[in-house]
Amino acid sequence: MLIIKYDCIKLYLNKLHKEQEYEAANEVAKSNFKKLSNSLPLKLKQKEAKNSKANYQS
């Protein structure tokens, strides 16, 4: 009986640990997506400015 309880507790703690790892990875992914989505409009504006400058010079 004690061994079964120990195994159940061990499985539960393992599950909690995996959930914490998933949540941490999810937070990192959200942060990276936010950084990317914030920098994307700036990169597009820079590209448009470069293209319009090239068109103006030619």
N, C-alpha and C. Protein backbone atom coordinates (compact mmCIF):
# COMPACT_ATOMS: atom_id res chain seq x y z
N MET A 1 0.83 -1.20 0.00
CA MET A 1 0.00 0.00 0.00
C MET A 1 0.87 1.25 0.00
N LEU A 2 1.89 1.24 0.81
CA LEU A 2 2.78 2.39 0.91
C LEU A 2 3.54 2.61 -0.40
N ILE A 3 3.91 1.52 -1.05
CA ILE A 3 4.63 1.62 -2.32
C ILE A 3 3.73 2.24 -3.39
N ILE A 4 2.48 1.85 -3.40
CA ILE A 4 1.53 2.40 -4.38
C ILE A 4 1.34 3.89 -4.14
N LYS A 5 1.21 4.32 -2.89
CA LYS A 5 1.07 5.75 -2.58
C LYS A 5 2.32 6.50 -3.02
N TYR A 6 3.50 5.92 -2.77
CA TYR A 6 4.75 6.54 -3.16
C TYR A 6 4.80 6.73 -4.68
N ASP A 7 4.40 5.68 -5.42
CA ASP A 7 4.40 5.77 -6.87
C ASP A 7 3.43 6.84 -7.36
N CYS A 8 2.27 6.93 -6.74
CA CYS A 8 1.28 7.94 -7.12
C CYS A 8 1.81 9.34 -6.88
N ILE A 9 2.43 9.53 -5.72
CA ILE A 9 3.00 10.84 -5.40
C ILE A 9 4.13 11.17 -6.38
N LYS A 10 4.95 10.20 -6.69
CA LYS A 10 6.05 10.40 -7.63
C LYS A 10 5.52 10.78 -9.02
N LEU A 11 4.49 10.10 -9.47
CA LEU A 11 3.88 10.42 -10.76
C LEU A 11 3.27 11.82 -10.76
N TYR A 12 2.60 12.17 -9.66
CA TYR A 12 1.99 13.49 -9.54
C TYR A 12 3.04 14.59 -9.57
N LEU A 13 4.14 14.41 -8.84
CA LEU A 13 5.21 15.42 -8.83
C LEU A 13 5.87 15.52 -10.20
N ASN A 14 6.02 14.41 -10.87
CA ASN A 14 6.58 14.42 -12.22
C ASN A 14 5.67 15.19 -13.17
N LYS A 15 4.36 14.99 -13.02
CA LYS A 15 3.39 15.70 -13.85
C LYS A 15 3.46 17.20 -13.58
N LEU A 16 3.54 17.58 -12.31
CA LEU A 16 3.65 19.00 -11.96
C LEU A 16 4.91 19.62 -12.56
N HIS A 17 6.00 18.89 -12.49
CA HIS A 17 7.27 19.38 -13.03
C HIS A 17 7.15 19.61 -14.54
N LYS A 18 6.53 18.68 -15.25
CA LYS A 18 6.36 18.82 -16.69
C LYS A 18 5.44 20.00 -17.01
N GLU A 19 4.40 20.22 -16.21
CA GLU A 19 3.51 21.36 -16.42
C GLU A 19 4.27 22.67 -16.22
N GLN A 20 5.14 22.71 -15.22
CA GLN A 20 5.94 23.91 -14.98
C GLN A 20 6.89 24.17 -16.13
N GLU A 21 7.50 23.11 -16.66
CA GLU A 21 8.39 23.26 -17.81
C GLU A 21 7.60 23.78 -19.01
N TYR A 22 6.40 23.25 -19.22
CA TYR A 22 5.56 23.69 -20.32
C TYR A 22 5.19 25.16 -20.17
N GLU A 23 4.80 25.56 -18.96
CA GLU A 23 4.44 26.95 -18.72
C GLU A 23 5.62 27.88 -18.94
N ALA A 24 6.80 27.48 -18.50
CA ALA A 24 8.00 28.30 -18.70
C ALA A 24 8.32 28.42 -20.19
N ALA A 25 8.23 27.32 -20.91
CA ALA A 25 8.49 27.36 -22.35
C ALA A 25 7.45 28.22 -23.06
N ASN A 26 6.21 28.16 -22.59
CA ASN A 26 5.14 28.95 -23.18
C ASN A 26 5.40 30.44 -22.96
N GLU A 27 5.87 30.82 -21.78
CA GLU A 27 6.19 32.22 -21.48
C GLU A 27 7.33 32.72 -22.37
N VAL A 28 8.33 31.88 -22.57
CA VAL A 28 9.45 32.26 -23.44
C VAL A 28 8.95 32.44 -24.87
N ALA A 29 8.11 31.54 -25.32
CA ALA A 29 7.56 31.65 -26.67
C ALA A 29 6.74 32.92 -26.83
N LYS A 30 5.91 33.24 -25.83
CA LYS A 30 5.12 34.48 -25.88
C LYS A 30 6.01 35.70 -25.94
N SER A 31 7.07 35.69 -25.13
CA SER A 31 8.01 36.82 -25.09
C SER A 31 8.71 36.98 -26.44
N ASN A 32 9.16 35.87 -27.00
CA ASN A 32 9.83 35.92 -28.31
C ASN A 32 8.88 36.39 -29.39
N PHE A 33 7.63 35.94 -29.35
CA PHE A 33 6.65 36.36 -30.35
C PHE A 33 6.38 37.86 -30.22
N LYS A 34 6.28 38.33 -28.97
CA LYS A 34 6.03 39.75 -28.75
C LYS A 34 7.17 40.60 -29.29
N LYS A 35 8.41 40.17 -29.02
CA LYS A 35 9.58 40.88 -29.53
C LYS A 35 9.57 40.89 -31.06
N LEU A 36 9.27 39.75 -31.65
CA LEU A 36 9.25 39.65 -33.10
C LEU A 36 8.16 40.52 -33.70
N SER A 37 6.97 40.48 -33.11
CA SER A 37 5.86 41.25 -33.65
C SER A 37 6.09 42.75 -33.47
N ASN A 38 6.84 43.14 -32.43
CA ASN A 38 7.16 44.55 -32.25
C ASN A 38 8.22 45.02 -33.23
N SER A 39 9.16 44.17 -33.58
CA SER A 39 10.24 44.57 -34.48
C SER A 39 9.85 44.45 -35.95
N LEU A 40 8.85 43.64 -36.26
CA LEU A 40 8.46 43.43 -37.65
C LEU A 40 8.00 44.71 -38.34
N PRO A 41 7.09 45.51 -37.75
CA PRO A 41 6.69 46.74 -38.43
C PRO A 41 7.87 47.67 -38.70
N LEU A 42 8.82 47.74 -37.78
CA LEU A 42 9.99 48.58 -37.96
C LEU A 42 10.82 48.10 -39.15
N LYS A 43 11.00 46.78 -39.25
CA LYS A 43 11.77 46.23 -40.37
C LYS A 43 11.06 46.49 -41.69
N LEU A 44 9.73 46.39 -41.70
CA LEU A 44 8.99 46.66 -42.93
C LEU A 44 9.11 48.13 -43.33
N LYS A 45 9.05 49.01 -42.34
CA LYS A 45 9.20 50.44 -42.64
C LYS A 45 10.58 50.74 -43.18
N GLN A 46 11.61 50.12 -42.61
CA GLN A 46 12.97 50.32 -43.09
C GLN A 46 13.12 49.82 -44.52
N LYS A 47 12.50 48.68 -44.81
CA LYS A 47 12.58 48.12 -46.16
C LYS A 47 11.85 49.03 -47.15
N GLU A 48 10.67 49.53 -46.76
CA GLU A 48 9.92 50.43 -47.63
C GLU A 48 10.71 51.72 -47.87
N ALA A 49 11.35 52.24 -46.85
CA ALA A 49 12.14 53.46 -46.99
C ALA A 49 13.32 53.23 -47.93
N LYS A 50 13.95 52.08 -47.80
CA LYS A 50 15.07 51.75 -48.67
C LYS A 50 14.61 51.63 -50.12
N ASN A 51 13.45 50.98 -50.33
CA ASN A 51 12.92 50.82 -51.68
C ASN A 51 12.52 52.17 -52.29
N SER A 52 11.89 53.01 -51.51
CA SER A 52 11.46 54.31 -52.04
C SER A 52 12.67 55.20 -52.32
N LYS A 53 13.70 55.08 -51.49
CA LYS A 53 14.93 55.85 -51.72
C LYS A 53 15.59 55.37 -53.02
N ALA A 54 15.62 54.06 -53.24
CA ALA A 54 16.20 53.50 -54.48
C ALA A 54 15.39 53.94 -55.69
N ASN A 55 14.08 53.95 -55.57
CA ASN A 55 13.22 54.38 -56.68
C ASN A 55 13.40 55.87 -56.95
N TYR A 56 13.57 56.67 -55.93
CA TYR A 56 13.73 58.11 -56.07
C TYR A 56 15.05 58.44 -56.77
N GLN A 57 16.09 57.68 -56.44
CA GLN A 57 17.40 57.94 -57.02
C GLN A 57 17.50 57.49 -58.47
N SER A 58 16.70 56.54 -58.88
CA SER A 58 16.81 56.04 -60.26
C SER A 58 15.95 56.78 -61.23
